[in-house]
Amino acid sequence: MADFAAAGHYPVMLDEAIEGLAIKADGIYIDATYGRGGHSQAILSCLGSNGRLLAIDRDVEAVSDARERMADEPRFEIIHSTFGQLSDVVSQHGLLGKVDGLLCDLGVSSPQIDNAERGFSFRADGPLDMRMDQSQGVSAAQWLQAADEEDIRLVLRDFGEERYARRIARAIVGRRDQWPIATTSELRELVIKASPQRDRHKDPATRSFQALRIQVNDELGEITRLLDQALLVLAPAGRLVVISFHSLEDRIVKRFMRTYSRQADDLPHDIPFAAPAKPSQLKLVGKARSASKRELAENPRSRSATLRIAERCPC
């Protein structure tokens, strides 16, 4: 991990992800979240001359990085897209049902967090943006300016698990009636003032920032769409490896993998995914894993990571 650390980028749970993919030298793989290429480079190092790697990212800066970094790599291609459009991307390349491994690192990349101009973090002041793809969509500031107070409350409650969601939503609406909330520091200060109590080890604005980021980028919807399409994409015995970073993400991943590893007559009635046409389309591989103590010491941002692996059953 040291080489990546020198560049200011830590591919989370790298060794575990590569092990989980069980890479074949001549296989076809997809990195659904290129970020800054740490996982992609490790996958390529395991591939032979006939191997192939497609990477996807919705962030224009990440796509530019990939095209520059991998310019001389014939086995690699980057696609500017959301991973919720996975099957369309794979279909356009004629690879439906032929992918040997799909890796999804659902975290925000370090360059996104560390760049104050992106608005993901309150550690430094910057525009309240939060869009993964700044070429389209509505920023967090624009959404807060237009949303109903009740919609803001529900987003803070459901996506941030914020216990003071009502108070914060009321404060946001009261403030925006006077002037727009345009920067990360303005939002953080407002949240702090609206929160009567604080957690000892967590900034009061953490949950609100998470909630708005999820809302602006439709992150949970994208994850559900990605997983719904994974079975169409993977070849028999193909591996699905997902790294999630908070309970809302992991709950969706865990439920999907467990649902499709069950027999058809043993399914709950309220699953959020289409009922499987065949029993046991996935096989769980091991248990959920967390970052090692060594990685936690080198990269504290990996502390909330959970990695899950499943394998496509033979048809």
C-alpha atoms as a PDB file:
ATOM      1  CA  MET A   1       0.000   0.000   0.000  1.00  0.00           C
ATOM      2  CA  ALA A   2       2.994   2.293   0.436  1.00  0.00           C
ATOM      3  CA  ASP A   3       3.249   3.204  -3.255  1.00  0.00           C
ATOM      4  CA  PHE A   4      -0.364   4.336  -3.314  1.00  0.00           C
ATOM      5  CA  ALA A   5       0.072   6.221  -0.027  1.00  0.00           C
ATOM      6  CA  ALA A   6       2.881   8.232  -1.543  1.00  0.00           C
ATOM      7  CA  ALA A   7       0.462   9.390  -4.204  1.00  0.00           C
ATOM      8  CA  GLY A   8      -2.163  10.303  -1.605  1.00  0.00           C
ATOM      9  CA  HIS A   9      -4.470   7.437  -2.558  1.00  0.00           C
ATOM     10  CA  TYR A  10      -5.295   4.302  -0.623  1.00  0.00           C
ATOM     11  CA  PRO A  11      -7.197   1.528  -2.421  1.00  0.00           C
ATOM     12  CA  VAL A  12      -9.239   0.138   0.463  1.00  0.00           C
ATOM     13  CA  MET A  13      -8.880  -3.569   1.298  1.00  0.00           C
ATOM     14  CA  LEU A  14      -6.783  -4.091  -1.813  1.00  0.00           C
ATOM     15  CA  ASP A  15      -5.369  -7.526  -0.985  1.00  0.00           C
ATOM     16  CA  GLU A  16      -8.738  -8.825   0.162  1.00  0.00           C
ATOM     17  CA  ALA A  17     -10.466  -7.544  -2.981  1.00  0.00           C
ATOM     18  CA  ILE A  18      -7.921  -9.132  -5.324  1.00  0.00           C
ATOM     19  CA  GLU A  19      -8.108 -12.408  -3.423  1.00  0.00           C
ATOM     20  CA  GLY A  20     -11.903 -12.296  -3.589  1.00  0.00           C
ATOM     21  CA  LEU A  21     -11.920 -11.829  -7.370  1.00  0.00           C
ATOM     22  CA  ALA A  22      -9.886 -15.053  -7.830  1.00  0.00           C
ATOM     23  CA  ILE A  23      -8.389 -13.538 -10.989  1.00  0.00           C
ATOM     24  CA  LYS A  24      -7.670 -15.682 -14.034  1.00  0.00           C
ATOM     25  CA  ALA A  25      -4.871 -14.478 -16.296  1.00  0.00           C
ATOM     26  CA  ASP A  26      -7.067 -14.458 -19.409  1.00  0.00           C
ATOM     27  CA  GLY A  27     -10.250 -13.326 -17.656  1.00  0.00           C
ATOM     28  CA  ILE A  28     -12.563 -10.362 -18.189  1.00  0.00           C
ATOM     29  CA  TYR A  29     -13.015  -8.026 -15.213  1.00  0.00           C
ATOM     30  CA  ILE A  30     -14.874  -4.846 -14.344  1.00  0.00           C
ATOM     31  CA  ASP A  31     -13.859  -2.212 -11.812  1.00  0.00           C
ATOM     32  CA  ALA A  32     -17.189  -0.427 -11.398  1.00  0.00           C
ATOM     33  CA  THR A  33     -15.629   2.430  -9.407  1.00  0.00           C
ATOM     34  CA  TYR A  34     -12.244   3.409 -10.844  1.00  0.00           C
ATOM     35  CA  GLY A  35     -11.566   6.257  -8.372  1.00  0.00           C
ATOM     36  CA  ARG A  36      -7.846   6.796  -8.837  1.00  0.00           C
ATOM     37  CA  GLY A  37      -7.057   3.363 -10.184  1.00  0.00           C
ATOM     38  CA  GLY A  38      -5.572   1.521  -7.213  1.00  0.00           C
ATOM     39  CA  HIS A  39      -7.778  -1.538  -7.596  1.00  0.00           C
ATOM     40  CA  SER A  40      -7.601  -1.370 -11.405  1.00  0.00           C
ATOM     41  CA  GLN A  41      -3.797  -1.389 -11.399  1.00  0.00           C
ATOM     42  CA  ALA A  42      -3.740  -4.375  -9.052  1.00  0.00           C
ATOM     43  CA  ILE A  43      -6.176  -6.301 -11.269  1.00  0.00           C
ATOM     44  CA  LEU A  44      -4.080  -5.549 -14.358  1.00  0.00           C
ATOM     45  CA  SER A  45      -0.964  -6.815 -12.592  1.00  0.00           C
ATOM     46  CA  CYS A  46      -2.678 -10.212 -12.285  1.00  0.00           C
ATOM     47  CA  LEU A  47      -3.831 -10.400 -15.899  1.00  0.00           C
ATOM     48  CA  GLY A  48      -1.949 -11.868 -18.814  1.00  0.00           C
ATOM     49  CA  SER A  49      -1.754 -10.410 -22.308  1.00  0.00           C
ATOM     50  CA  ASN A  50      -5.199 -11.789 -23.185  1.00  0.00           C
ATOM     51  CA  GLY A  51      -6.903 -10.478 -20.049  1.00  0.00           C
ATOM     52  CA  ARG A  52      -9.236  -7.503 -20.151  1.00  0.00           C
ATOM     53  CA  LEU A  53     -10.376  -4.852 -17.687  1.00  0.00           C
ATOM     54  CA  LEU A  54     -13.225  -2.390 -18.102  1.00  0.00           C
ATOM     55  CA  ALA A  55     -13.463   0.421 -15.566  1.00  0.00           C
ATOM     56  CA  ILE A  56     -16.434   2.701 -14.907  1.00  0.00           C
ATOM     57  CA  ASP A  57     -16.607   6.042 -13.128  1.00  0.00           C
ATOM     58  CA  ARG A  58     -19.117   8.876 -13.113  1.00  0.00           C
ATOM     59  CA  ASP A  59     -16.487  11.426 -12.030  1.00  0.00           C
ATOM     60  CA  VAL A  60     -15.014  13.335 -14.984  1.00  0.00           C
ATOM     61  CA  GLU A  61     -11.748  13.877 -13.096  1.00  0.00           C
ATOM     62  CA  ALA A  62     -11.404  10.147 -12.445  1.00  0.00           C
ATOM     63  CA  VAL A  63     -12.007   9.365 -16.111  1.00  0.00           C
ATOM     64  CA  SER A  64      -9.352  11.883 -17.121  1.00  0.00           C
ATOM     65  CA  ASP A  65      -6.919  10.337 -14.643  1.00  0.00           C
ATOM     66  CA  ALA A  66      -7.572   6.869 -16.079  1.00  0.00           C
ATOM     67  CA  ARG A  67      -7.070   7.978 -19.669  1.00  0.00           C
ATOM     68  CA  GLU A  68      -3.755   9.586 -18.780  1.00  0.00           C
ATOM     69  CA  ARG A  69      -2.496   6.910 -16.395  1.00  0.00           C
ATOM     70  CA  MET A  70      -3.525   3.959 -18.590  1.00  0.00           C
ATOM     71  CA  ALA A  71      -2.858   5.500 -21.998  1.00  0.00           C
ATOM     72  CA  ASP A  72      -0.408   2.766 -22.942  1.00  0.00           C
ATOM     73  CA  GLU A  73      -2.403  -0.142 -21.492  1.00  0.00           C
ATOM     74  CA  PRO A  74      -4.168  -2.087 -24.297  1.00  0.00           C
ATOM     75  CA  ARG A  75      -5.980  -4.398 -21.867  1.00  0.00           C
ATOM     76  CA  PHE A  76      -7.782  -1.488 -20.182  1.00  0.00           C
ATOM     77  CA  GLU A  77     -10.703   0.773 -21.056  1.00  0.00           C
ATOM     78  CA  ILE A  78     -12.445   3.464 -18.979  1.00  0.00           C
ATOM     79  CA  ILE A  79     -16.111   4.370 -19.473  1.00  0.00           C
ATOM     80  CA  HIS A  80     -17.686   7.593 -18.178  1.00  0.00           C
ATOM     81  CA  SER A  81     -20.944   6.340 -16.697  1.00  0.00           C
ATOM     82  CA  THR A  82     -22.740   5.574 -13.483  1.00  0.00           C
ATOM     83  CA  PHE A  83     -22.396   1.974 -12.377  1.00  0.00           C
ATOM     84  CA  GLY A  84     -26.184   1.814 -12.277  1.00  0.00           C
ATOM     85  CA  GLN A  85     -25.939   1.539 -16.087  1.00  0.00           C
ATOM     86  CA  LEU A  86     -23.680  -1.495 -15.822  1.00  0.00           C
ATOM     87  CA  SER A  87     -25.613  -3.831 -18.124  1.00  0.00           C
ATOM     88  CA  ASP A  88     -25.802  -1.191 -20.877  1.00  0.00           C
ATOM     89  CA  VAL A  89     -22.026  -0.668 -20.710  1.00  0.00           C
ATOM     90  CA  VAL A  90     -21.309  -4.388 -20.746  1.00  0.00           C
ATOM     91  CA  SER A  91     -23.844  -5.074 -23.491  1.00  0.00           C
ATOM     92  CA  GLN A  92     -22.260  -2.433 -25.728  1.00  0.00           C
ATOM     93  CA  HIS A  93     -18.980  -4.346 -25.408  1.00  0.00           C
ATOM     94  CA  GLY A  94     -20.640  -7.700 -26.166  1.00  0.00           C
ATOM     95  CA  LEU A  95     -19.757  -9.094 -22.749  1.00  0.00           C
ATOM     96  CA  LEU A  96     -23.075  -9.904 -21.073  1.00  0.00           C
ATOM     97  CA  GLY A  97     -22.702 -13.155 -19.153  1.00  0.00           C
ATOM     98  CA  LYS A  98     -18.958 -13.255 -19.852  1.00  0.00           C
ATOM     99  CA  VAL A  99     -17.483 -11.210 -16.984  1.00  0.00           C
ATOM    100  CA  ASP A 100     -15.290 -13.218 -14.601  1.00  0.00           C
ATOM    101  CA  GLY A 101     -15.229 -10.656 -11.824  1.00  0.00           C
ATOM    102  CA  LEU A 102     -17.004  -7.455 -10.818  1.00  0.00           C
ATOM    103  CA  LEU A 103     -15.477  -5.185  -8.173  1.00  0.00           C
ATOM    104  CA  CYS A 104     -17.477  -2.352  -6.600  1.00  0.00           C
ATOM    105  CA  ASP A 105     -15.782  -0.018  -4.101  1.00  0.00           C
ATOM    106  CA  LEU A 106     -18.678   2.160  -2.966  1.00  0.00           C
ATOM    107  CA  GLY A 107     -16.628   4.717  -1.050  1.00  0.00           C
ATOM    108  CA  VAL A 108     -15.926   8.333  -1.939  1.00  0.00           C
ATOM    109  CA  SER A 109     -12.352   8.550  -3.234  1.00  0.00           C
ATOM    110  CA  SER A 110      -9.659  10.372  -1.283  1.00  0.00           C
ATOM    111  CA  PRO A 111      -9.143  12.996  -4.038  1.00  0.00           C
ATOM    112  CA  GLN A 112     -12.854  13.806  -3.896  1.00  0.00           C
ATOM    113  CA  ILE A 113     -12.801  14.190  -0.117  1.00  0.00           C
ATOM    114  CA  ASP A 114      -9.548  16.143   0.004  1.00  0.00           C
ATOM    115  CA  ASN A 115     -10.476  18.626  -2.726  1.00  0.00           C
ATOM    116  CA  ALA A 116     -12.410  21.386  -0.964  1.00  0.00           C
ATOM    117  CA  GLU A 117     -13.866  22.532  -4.294  1.00  0.00           C
ATOM    118  CA  ARG A 118     -15.870  19.299  -4.520  1.00  0.00           C
ATOM    119  CA  GLY A 119     -17.788  20.045  -1.316  1.00  0.00           C
ATOM    120  CA  PHE A 120     -17.808  16.505   0.103  1.00  0.00           C
ATOM    121  CA  SER A 121     -16.104  17.377   3.380  1.00  0.00           C
ATOM    122  CA  PHE A 122     -16.490  20.056   6.048  1.00  0.00           C
ATOM    123  CA  ARG A 123     -12.803  19.842   7.009  1.00  0.00           C
ATOM    124  CA  ALA A 124     -12.045  22.732   4.653  1.00  0.00           C
ATOM    125  CA  ASP A 125     -14.374  25.413   3.356  1.00  0.00           C
ATOM    126  CA  GLY A 126     -15.595  25.098  -0.221  1.00  0.00           C
ATOM    127  CA  PRO A 127     -18.676  25.226  -2.454  1.00  0.00           C
ATOM    128  CA  LEU A 128     -21.513  23.001  -1.232  1.00  0.00           C
ATOM    129  CA  ASP A 129     -21.526  20.762  -4.311  1.00  0.00           C
ATOM    130  CA  MET A 130     -21.156  17.025  -3.501  1.00  0.00           C
ATOM    131  CA  ARG A 131     -21.895  15.802  -7.037  1.00  0.00           C
ATOM    132  CA  MET A 132     -19.874  12.789  -8.159  1.00  0.00           C
ATOM    133  CA  ASP A 133     -20.388  13.964 -11.733  1.00  0.00           C
ATOM    134  CA  GLN A 134     -20.040  17.734 -11.821  1.00  0.00           C
ATOM    135  CA  SER A 135     -20.971  17.805 -15.509  1.00  0.00           C
ATOM    136  CA  GLN A 136     -24.634  17.259 -14.696  1.00  0.00           C
ATOM    137  CA  GLY A 137     -27.242  17.169 -11.953  1.00  0.00           C
ATOM    138  CA  VAL A 138     -28.149  19.374  -9.006  1.00  0.00           C
ATOM    139  CA  SER A 139     -25.622  20.362  -6.348  1.00  0.00           C
ATOM    140  CA  ALA A 140     -26.286  19.985  -2.622  1.00  0.00           C
ATOM    141  CA  ALA A 141     -26.671  23.760  -2.311  1.00  0.00           C
ATOM    142  CA  GLN A 142     -29.259  23.829  -5.093  1.00  0.00           C
ATOM    143  CA  TRP A 143     -31.166  20.915  -3.615  1.00  0.00           C
ATOM    144  CA  LEU A 144     -31.278  22.485  -0.140  1.00  0.00           C
ATOM    145  CA  GLN A 145     -32.521  25.737  -1.641  1.00  0.00           C
ATOM    146  CA  ALA A 146     -35.439  24.089  -3.441  1.00  0.00           C
ATOM    147  CA  ALA A 147     -36.484  21.112  -1.284  1.00  0.00           C
ATOM    148  CA  ASP A 148     -39.449  21.125   1.083  1.00  0.00           C
ATOM    149  CA  GLU A 149     -38.654  21.126   4.784  1.00  0.00           C
ATOM    150  CA  GLU A 150     -40.240  17.675   5.145  1.00  0.00           C
ATOM    151  CA  ASP A 151     -38.132  16.280   2.288  1.00  0.00           C
ATOM    152  CA  ILE A 152     -34.986  17.632   3.940  1.00  0.00           C
ATOM    153  CA  ARG A 153     -36.012  16.076   7.250  1.00  0.00           C
ATOM    154  CA  LEU A 154     -36.630  12.668   5.674  1.00  0.00           C
ATOM    155  CA  VAL A 155     -33.298  12.701   3.830  1.00  0.00           C
ATOM    156  CA  LEU A 156     -31.408  13.594   7.016  1.00  0.00           C
ATOM    157  CA  ARG A 157     -33.296  10.931   8.967  1.00  0.00           C
ATOM    158  CA  ASP A 158     -33.218   8.111   6.422  1.00  0.00           C
ATOM    159  CA  PHE A 159     -29.824   8.629   4.769  1.00  0.00           C
ATOM    160  CA  GLY A 160     -27.928  10.141   7.688  1.00  0.00           C
ATOM    161  CA  GLU A 161     -29.714   8.467  10.585  1.00  0.00           C
ATOM    162  CA  GLU A 162     -29.692  11.941  12.127  1.00  0.00           C
ATOM    163  CA  ARG A 163     -31.680  12.114  15.370  1.00  0.00           C
ATOM    164  CA  TYR A 164     -32.010  15.903  15.136  1.00  0.00           C
ATOM    165  CA  ALA A 165     -33.248  15.818  11.539  1.00  0.00           C
ATOM    166  CA  ARG A 166     -36.349  17.889  12.260  1.00  0.00           C
ATOM    167  CA  ARG A 167     -34.438  20.649  14.056  1.00  0.00           C
ATOM    168  CA  ILE A 168     -31.752  20.783  11.358  1.00  0.00           C
ATOM    169  CA  ALA A 169     -34.293  20.845   8.520  1.00  0.00           C
ATOM    170  CA  ARG A 170     -36.151  23.689  10.208  1.00  0.00           C
ATOM    171  CA  ALA A 171     -32.902  25.610  10.670  1.00  0.00           C
ATOM    172  CA  ILE A 172     -31.946  25.112   7.009  1.00  0.00           C
ATOM    173  CA  VAL A 173     -35.273  26.449   5.761  1.00  0.00           C
ATOM    174  CA  GLY A 174     -35.137  29.390   8.153  1.00  0.00           C
ATOM    175  CA  ARG A 175     -31.642  30.278   7.010  1.00  0.00           C
ATOM    176  CA  ARG A 176     -32.264  29.909   3.276  1.00  0.00           C
ATOM    177  CA  ASP A 177     -35.240  32.271   3.510  1.00  0.00           C
ATOM    178  CA  GLN A 178     -32.685  34.957   4.367  1.00  0.00           C
ATOM    179  CA  TRP A 179     -29.821  33.935   2.070  1.00  0.00           C
ATOM    180  CA  PRO A 180     -28.699  30.683   0.361  1.00  0.00           C
ATOM    181  CA  ILE A 181     -26.472  28.143   2.093  1.00  0.00           C
ATOM    182  CA  ALA A 182     -23.611  28.098  -0.378  1.00  0.00           C
ATOM    183  CA  THR A 183     -20.554  26.639   1.379  1.00  0.00           C
ATOM    184  CA  THR A 184     -19.589  23.619   3.451  1.00  0.00           C
ATOM    185  CA  SER A 185     -18.650  25.736   6.461  1.00  0.00           C
ATOM    186  CA  GLU A 186     -21.999  27.522   6.408  1.00  0.00           C
ATOM    187  CA  LEU A 187     -23.864  24.225   6.480  1.00  0.00           C
ATOM    188  CA  ARG A 188     -21.632  22.781   9.210  1.00  0.00           C
ATOM    189  CA  GLU A 189     -22.094  25.817  11.458  1.00  0.00           C
ATOM    190  CA  LEU A 190     -25.856  25.675  10.964  1.00  0.00           C
ATOM    191  CA  VAL A 191     -25.989  21.956  11.843  1.00  0.00           C
ATOM    192  CA  ILE A 192     -23.862  22.489  14.960  1.00  0.00           C
ATOM    193  CA  LYS A 193     -26.152  25.258  16.211  1.00  0.00           C
ATOM    194  CA  ALA A 194     -29.251  23.131  15.565  1.00  0.00           C
ATOM    195  CA  SER A 195     -27.851  20.082  17.426  1.00  0.00           C
ATOM    196  CA  PRO A 196     -28.459  20.272  21.197  1.00  0.00           C
ATOM    197  CA  GLN A 197     -26.025  17.440  21.982  1.00  0.00           C
ATOM    198  CA  ARG A 198     -22.840  16.184  20.361  1.00  0.00           C
ATOM    199  CA  ASP A 199     -21.198  12.769  20.076  1.00  0.00           C
ATOM    200  CA  ARG A 200     -17.799  12.709  21.718  1.00  0.00           C
ATOM    201  CA  HIS A 201     -15.969  11.192  18.742  1.00  0.00           C
ATOM    202  CA  LYS A 202     -17.992  12.478  15.768  1.00  0.00           C
ATOM    203  CA  ASP A 203     -18.474  15.931  14.311  1.00  0.00           C
ATOM    204  CA  PRO A 204     -22.155  16.971  14.528  1.00  0.00           C
ATOM    205  CA  ALA A 205     -22.231  17.611  10.769  1.00  0.00           C
ATOM    206  CA  THR A 206     -21.049  14.130   9.743  1.00  0.00           C
ATOM    207  CA  ARG A 207     -24.489  12.565   9.373  1.00  0.00           C
ATOM    208  CA  SER A 208     -25.984  15.542   7.553  1.00  0.00           C
ATOM    209  CA  PHE A 209     -23.143  15.639   5.026  1.00  0.00           C
ATOM    210  CA  GLN A 210     -23.477  11.891   4.418  1.00  0.00           C
ATOM    211  CA  ALA A 211     -27.221  12.214   3.926  1.00  0.00           C
ATOM    212  CA  LEU A 212     -26.954  15.055   1.429  1.00  0.00           C
ATOM    213  CA  ARG A 213     -24.228  13.299  -0.545  1.00  0.00           C
ATOM    214  CA  ILE A 214     -26.372  10.168  -0.813  1.00  0.00           C
ATOM    215  CA  GLN A 215     -29.363  12.242  -1.908  1.00  0.00           C
ATOM    216  CA  VAL A 216     -27.532  14.337  -4.487  1.00  0.00           C
ATOM    217  CA  ASN A 217     -25.958  11.288  -6.130  1.00  0.00           C
ATOM    218  CA  ASP A 218     -28.854   8.831  -5.630  1.00  0.00           C
ATOM    219  CA  GLU A 219     -26.260   6.494  -4.173  1.00  0.00           C
ATOM    220  CA  LEU A 220     -28.576   3.859  -2.723  1.00  0.00           C
ATOM    221  CA  GLY A 221     -30.622   3.730  -5.914  1.00  0.00           C
ATOM    222  CA  GLU A 222     -27.431   3.299  -7.926  1.00  0.00           C
ATOM    223  CA  ILE A 223     -26.295   0.427  -5.706  1.00  0.00           C
ATOM    224  CA  THR A 224     -29.633  -1.355  -6.083  1.00  0.00           C
ATOM    225  CA  ARG A 225     -29.537  -0.939  -9.875  1.00  0.00           C
ATOM    226  CA  LEU A 226     -25.943  -2.178  -9.989  1.00  0.00           C
ATOM    227  CA  LEU A 227     -26.725  -5.327  -8.030  1.00  0.00           C
ATOM    228  CA  ASP A 228     -29.879  -6.012 -10.018  1.00  0.00           C
ATOM    229  CA  GLN A 229     -27.725  -6.131 -13.166  1.00  0.00           C
ATOM    230  CA  ALA A 230     -24.787  -8.079 -11.726  1.00  0.00           C
ATOM    231  CA  LEU A 231     -26.335 -11.471 -12.455  1.00  0.00           C
ATOM    232  CA  LEU A 232     -26.799 -10.539 -16.124  1.00  0.00           C
ATOM    233  CA  VAL A 233     -23.177  -9.512 -16.394  1.00  0.00           C
ATOM    234  CA  LEU A 234     -21.331 -12.274 -14.558  1.00  0.00           C
ATOM    235  CA  ALA A 235     -20.245 -15.516 -16.187  1.00  0.00           C
ATOM    236  CA  PRO A 236     -20.844 -18.819 -14.351  1.00  0.00           C
ATOM    237  CA  ALA A 237     -18.392 -18.898 -11.402  1.00  0.00           C
ATOM    238  CA  GLY A 238     -17.813 -15.152 -11.848  1.00  0.00           C
ATOM    239  CA  ARG A 239     -17.108 -13.283  -8.619  1.00  0.00           C
ATOM    240  CA  LEU A 240     -18.934 -10.255  -7.206  1.00  0.00           C
ATOM    241  CA  VAL A 241     -16.843  -8.287  -4.692  1.00  0.00           C
ATOM    242  CA  VAL A 242     -18.394  -5.269  -2.961  1.00  0.00           C
ATOM    243  CA  ILE A 243     -16.789  -2.888  -0.468  1.00  0.00           C
ATOM    244  CA  SER A 244     -19.300  -0.739   1.416  1.00  0.00           C
ATOM    245  CA  PHE A 245     -18.692   2.022   3.945  1.00  0.00           C
ATOM    246  CA  HIS A 246     -21.815   2.505   6.013  1.00  0.00           C
ATOM    247  CA  SER A 247     -24.724   0.426   7.238  1.00  0.00           C
ATOM    248  CA  LEU A 248     -27.192   1.680   4.606  1.00  0.00           C
ATOM    249  CA  GLU A 249     -24.955   0.439   1.776  1.00  0.00           C
ATOM    250  CA  ASP A 250     -23.975  -2.798   3.470  1.00  0.00           C
ATOM    251  CA  ARG A 251     -27.585  -3.629   4.297  1.00  0.00           C
ATOM    252  CA  ILE A 252     -28.490  -3.515   0.593  1.00  0.00           C
ATOM    253  CA  VAL A 253     -25.465  -5.611  -0.421  1.00  0.00           C
ATOM    254  CA  LYS A 254     -25.961  -8.154   2.362  1.00  0.00           C
ATOM    255  CA  ARG A 255     -29.651  -8.590   1.570  1.00  0.00           C
ATOM    256  CA  PHE A 256     -29.025  -8.976  -2.145  1.00  0.00           C
ATOM    257  CA  MET A 257     -26.357 -11.631  -1.695  1.00  0.00           C
ATOM    258  CA  ARG A 258     -28.383 -13.552   0.860  1.00  0.00           C
ATOM    259  CA  THR A 259     -31.554 -13.366  -1.240  1.00  0.00           C
ATOM    260  CA  TYR A 260     -29.935 -14.808  -4.353  1.00  0.00           C
ATOM    261  CA  SER A 261     -28.051 -17.484  -2.428  1.00  0.00           C
ATOM    262  CA  ARG A 262     -31.346 -18.907  -1.124  1.00  0.00           C
ATOM    263  CA  GLN A 263     -33.682 -21.407  -2.674  1.00  0.00           C
ATOM    264  CA  ALA A 264     -36.616 -19.821  -4.529  1.00  0.00           C
ATOM    265  CA  ASP A 265     -39.162 -21.148  -2.017  1.00  0.00           C
ATOM    266  CA  ASP A 266     -37.248 -19.688   0.941  1.00  0.00           C
ATOM    267  CA  LEU A 267     -37.448 -16.011  -0.014  1.00  0.00           C
ATOM    268  CA  PRO A 268     -39.005 -13.233   2.098  1.00  0.00           C
ATOM    269  CA  HIS A 269     -41.987 -11.463   0.547  1.00  0.00           C
ATOM    270  CA  ASP A 270     -40.580  -7.929   0.943  1.00  0.00           C
ATOM    271  CA  ILE A 271     -37.241  -8.238  -0.863  1.00  0.00           C
ATOM    272  CA  PRO A 272     -36.290  -5.017  -2.711  1.00  0.00           C
ATOM    273  CA  PHE A 273     -35.034  -6.926  -5.749  1.00  0.00           C
ATOM    274  CA  ALA A 274     -36.779  -8.840  -8.505  1.00  0.00           C
ATOM    275  CA  ALA A 275     -37.528 -12.410  -7.403  1.00  0.00           C
ATOM    276  CA  PRO A 276     -34.884 -14.777  -8.830  1.00  0.00           C
ATOM    277  CA  ALA A 277     -36.063 -16.925 -11.725  1.00  0.00           C
ATOM    278  CA  LYS A 278     -33.841 -19.802 -10.592  1.00  0.00           C
ATOM    279  CA  PRO A 279     -32.863 -20.970  -7.102  1.00  0.00           C
ATOM    280  CA  SER A 280     -29.463 -20.229  -5.649  1.00  0.00           C
ATOM    281  CA  GLN A 281     -28.050 -17.994  -8.361  1.00  0.00           C
ATOM    282  CA  LEU A 282     -25.264 -16.911  -6.026  1.00  0.00           C
ATOM    283  CA  LYS A 283     -22.983 -18.715  -3.594  1.00  0.00           C
ATOM    284  CA  LEU A 284     -21.647 -16.739  -0.651  1.00  0.00           C
ATOM    285  CA  VAL A 285     -17.856 -16.865  -0.384  1.00  0.00           C
ATOM    286  CA  GLY A 286     -16.675 -16.562   3.197  1.00  0.00           C
ATOM    287  CA  LYS A 287     -17.976 -14.056   5.706  1.00  0.00           C
ATOM    288  CA  ALA A 288     -18.017 -10.273   5.645  1.00  0.00           C
ATOM    289  CA  ARG A 289     -14.519  -8.884   6.218  1.00  0.00           C
ATOM    290  CA  SER A 290     -13.148  -5.670   7.691  1.00  0.00           C
ATOM    291  CA  ALA A 291      -9.846  -3.900   7.130  1.00  0.00           C
ATOM    292  CA  SER A 292      -6.814  -5.365   8.857  1.00  0.00           C
ATOM    293  CA  LYS A 293      -5.130  -3.683  11.816  1.00  0.00           C
ATOM    294  CA  ARG A 294      -2.184  -2.852   9.575  1.00  0.00           C
ATOM    295  CA  GLU A 295      -4.402  -1.134   7.018  1.00  0.00           C
ATOM    296  CA  LEU A 296      -6.284   0.751   9.726  1.00  0.00           C
ATOM    297  CA  ALA A 297      -2.964   2.101  10.998  1.00  0.00           C
ATOM    298  CA  GLU A 298      -1.939   3.255   7.505  1.00  0.00           C
ATOM    299  CA  ASN A 299      -5.348   4.420   6.311  1.00  0.00           C
ATOM    300  CA  PRO A 300      -7.883   5.339   9.033  1.00  0.00           C
ATOM    301  CA  ARG A 301     -10.530   5.947   6.340  1.00  0.00           C
ATOM    302  CA  SER A 302     -10.782   2.170   5.916  1.00  0.00           C
ATOM    303  CA  ARG A 303     -12.192   1.742   9.441  1.00  0.00           C
ATOM    304  CA  SER A 304     -15.803   1.552   8.274  1.00  0.00           C
ATOM    305  CA  ALA A 305     -15.187  -0.673   5.225  1.00  0.00           C
ATOM    306  CA  THR A 306     -16.977  -4.010   4.885  1.00  0.00           C
ATOM    307  CA  LEU A 307     -16.114  -6.420   2.063  1.00  0.00           C
ATOM    308  CA  ARG A 308     -18.505  -9.130   0.874  1.00  0.00           C
ATOM    309  CA  ILE A 309     -17.972 -11.763  -1.828  1.00  0.00           C
ATOM    310  CA  ALA A 310     -20.391 -13.912  -3.806  1.00  0.00           C
ATOM    311  CA  GLU A 311     -19.931 -16.242  -6.764  1.00  0.00           C
ATOM    312  CA  ARG A 312     -22.324 -16.745  -9.690  1.00  0.00           C
ATOM    313  CA  CYS A 313     -23.678 -20.278  -9.627  1.00  0.00           C
ATOM    314  CA  PRO A 314     -23.490 -22.371 -12.829  1.00  0.00           C
ATOM    315  CA  CYS A 315     -26.596 -22.050 -14.975  1.00  0.00           C
END
